[in-house]
Amino acid sequence: MKLISIKRETRPEVRFTKKMGALSINVTYIKKQFLNIPYKTLHKYRETYYGEVKDCDHISLAR
């Protein structure tokens, strides 16, 4: 039995940009788990329409 594991999860979110307005995109979270309980997000990123992978720090959640 592993005590510490890493899990990747993708879920849709609505983000907002100044140029394009509201966007519905898939955001991938990489989380560290202890006994299958997530306790730390290591990284989150999104894939653009053109296939580029971008960090989610450059886009806001609200208007």
C-alpha atoms as a PDB file:
ATOM      1  CA  MET A   1       0.000   0.000   0.000  1.00  0.00           C
ATOM      2  CA  LYS A   2       1.377   3.375  -1.012  1.00  0.00           C
ATOM      3  CA  LEU A   3       1.199   6.174   1.503  1.00  0.00           C
ATOM      4  CA  ILE A   4       1.976   9.036  -0.896  1.00  0.00           C
ATOM      5  CA  SER A   5       0.774   9.095  -4.509  1.00  0.00           C
ATOM      6  CA  ILE A   6       0.292  11.619  -7.302  1.00  0.00           C
ATOM      7  CA  LYS A   7      -2.968  11.885  -9.262  1.00  0.00           C
ATOM      8  CA  ARG A   8      -3.847  13.825 -12.412  1.00  0.00           C
ATOM      9  CA  GLU A   9      -7.451  15.027 -12.837  1.00  0.00           C
ATOM     10  CA  THR A  10      -9.036  16.996 -15.680  1.00  0.00           C
ATOM     11  CA  ARG A  11     -12.255  18.960 -15.239  1.00  0.00           C
ATOM     12  CA  PRO A  12     -14.018  21.713 -17.202  1.00  0.00           C
ATOM     13  CA  GLU A  13     -13.965  25.265 -15.808  1.00  0.00           C
ATOM     14  CA  VAL A  14     -15.166  28.672 -16.952  1.00  0.00           C
ATOM     15  CA  ARG A  15     -12.344  31.236 -17.073  1.00  0.00           C
ATOM     16  CA  PHE A  16     -12.380  34.897 -18.085  1.00  0.00           C
ATOM     17  CA  THR A  17      -9.939  36.829 -20.280  1.00  0.00           C
ATOM     18  CA  LYS A  18      -9.999  40.502 -21.200  1.00  0.00           C
ATOM     19  CA  LYS A  19      -9.642  39.860 -24.924  1.00  0.00           C
ATOM     20  CA  MET A  20     -12.039  36.919 -25.404  1.00  0.00           C
ATOM     21  CA  GLY A  21     -14.436  37.097 -22.436  1.00  0.00           C
ATOM     22  CA  ALA A  22     -15.652  33.895 -20.761  1.00  0.00           C
ATOM     23  CA  LEU A  23     -13.981  30.654 -21.864  1.00  0.00           C
ATOM     24  CA  SER A  24     -15.009  27.097 -21.068  1.00  0.00           C
ATOM     25  CA  ILE A  25     -11.766  25.095 -20.941  1.00  0.00           C
ATOM     26  CA  ASN A  26     -10.447  21.836 -19.513  1.00  0.00           C
ATOM     27  CA  VAL A  27      -8.021  22.382 -16.643  1.00  0.00           C
ATOM     28  CA  THR A  28      -5.698  19.572 -15.532  1.00  0.00           C
ATOM     29  CA  TYR A  29      -4.691  19.409 -11.861  1.00  0.00           C
ATOM     30  CA  ILE A  30      -1.727  17.403 -10.582  1.00  0.00           C
ATOM     31  CA  LYS A  31      -2.300  16.693  -6.893  1.00  0.00           C
ATOM     32  CA  LYS A  32      -0.280  14.945  -4.212  1.00  0.00           C
ATOM     33  CA  GLN A  33      -2.261  12.504  -2.052  1.00  0.00           C
ATOM     34  CA  PHE A  34      -1.645  10.949   1.335  1.00  0.00           C
ATOM     35  CA  LEU A  35      -3.689   7.746   1.866  1.00  0.00           C
ATOM     36  CA  ASN A  36      -5.867   8.753  -1.136  1.00  0.00           C
ATOM     37  CA  ILE A  37      -6.738  12.116   0.445  1.00  0.00           C
ATOM     38  CA  PRO A  38      -5.551  15.073  -1.692  1.00  0.00           C
ATOM     39  CA  TYR A  39      -3.623  17.643   0.316  1.00  0.00           C
ATOM     40  CA  LYS A  40      -1.489  19.655  -2.112  1.00  0.00           C
ATOM     41  CA  THR A  41      -1.851  20.880  -5.695  1.00  0.00           C
ATOM     42  CA  LEU A  42       1.511  20.614  -7.397  1.00  0.00           C
ATOM     43  CA  HIS A  43       0.608  22.138 -10.768  1.00  0.00           C
ATOM     44  CA  LYS A  44      -2.404  23.129 -12.871  1.00  0.00           C
ATOM     45  CA  TYR A  45      -2.402  23.788 -16.585  1.00  0.00           C
ATOM     46  CA  ARG A  46      -4.710  24.068 -19.560  1.00  0.00           C
ATOM     47  CA  GLU A  47      -4.477  23.215 -23.240  1.00  0.00           C
ATOM     48  CA  THR A  48      -5.410  25.900 -25.769  1.00  0.00           C
ATOM     49  CA  TYR A  49      -7.377  25.469 -28.989  1.00  0.00           C
ATOM     50  CA  TYR A  50      -4.109  25.342 -30.924  1.00  0.00           C
ATOM     51  CA  GLY A  51      -2.584  22.587 -28.753  1.00  0.00           C
ATOM     52  CA  GLU A  52      -0.302  24.796 -26.638  1.00  0.00           C
ATOM     53  CA  VAL A  53       0.000  23.992 -22.932  1.00  0.00           C
ATOM     54  CA  LYS A  54      -0.262  27.066 -20.684  1.00  0.00           C
ATOM     55  CA  ASP A  55      -0.059  27.654 -16.954  1.00  0.00           C
ATOM     56  CA  CYS A  56      -3.327  28.754 -15.307  1.00  0.00           C
ATOM     57  CA  ASP A  57      -1.753  31.686 -13.426  1.00  0.00           C
ATOM     58  CA  HIS A  58      -2.154  33.988 -16.454  1.00  0.00           C
ATOM     59  CA  ILE A  59      -5.945  33.794 -16.585  1.00  0.00           C
ATOM     60  CA  SER A  60      -8.438  34.850 -13.911  1.00  0.00           C
ATOM     61  CA  LEU A  61     -11.491  33.008 -12.572  1.00  0.00           C
ATOM     62  CA  ALA A  62     -13.828  35.989 -12.244  1.00  0.00           C
ATOM     63  CA  ARG A  63     -14.592  39.188 -14.113  1.00  0.00           C
END
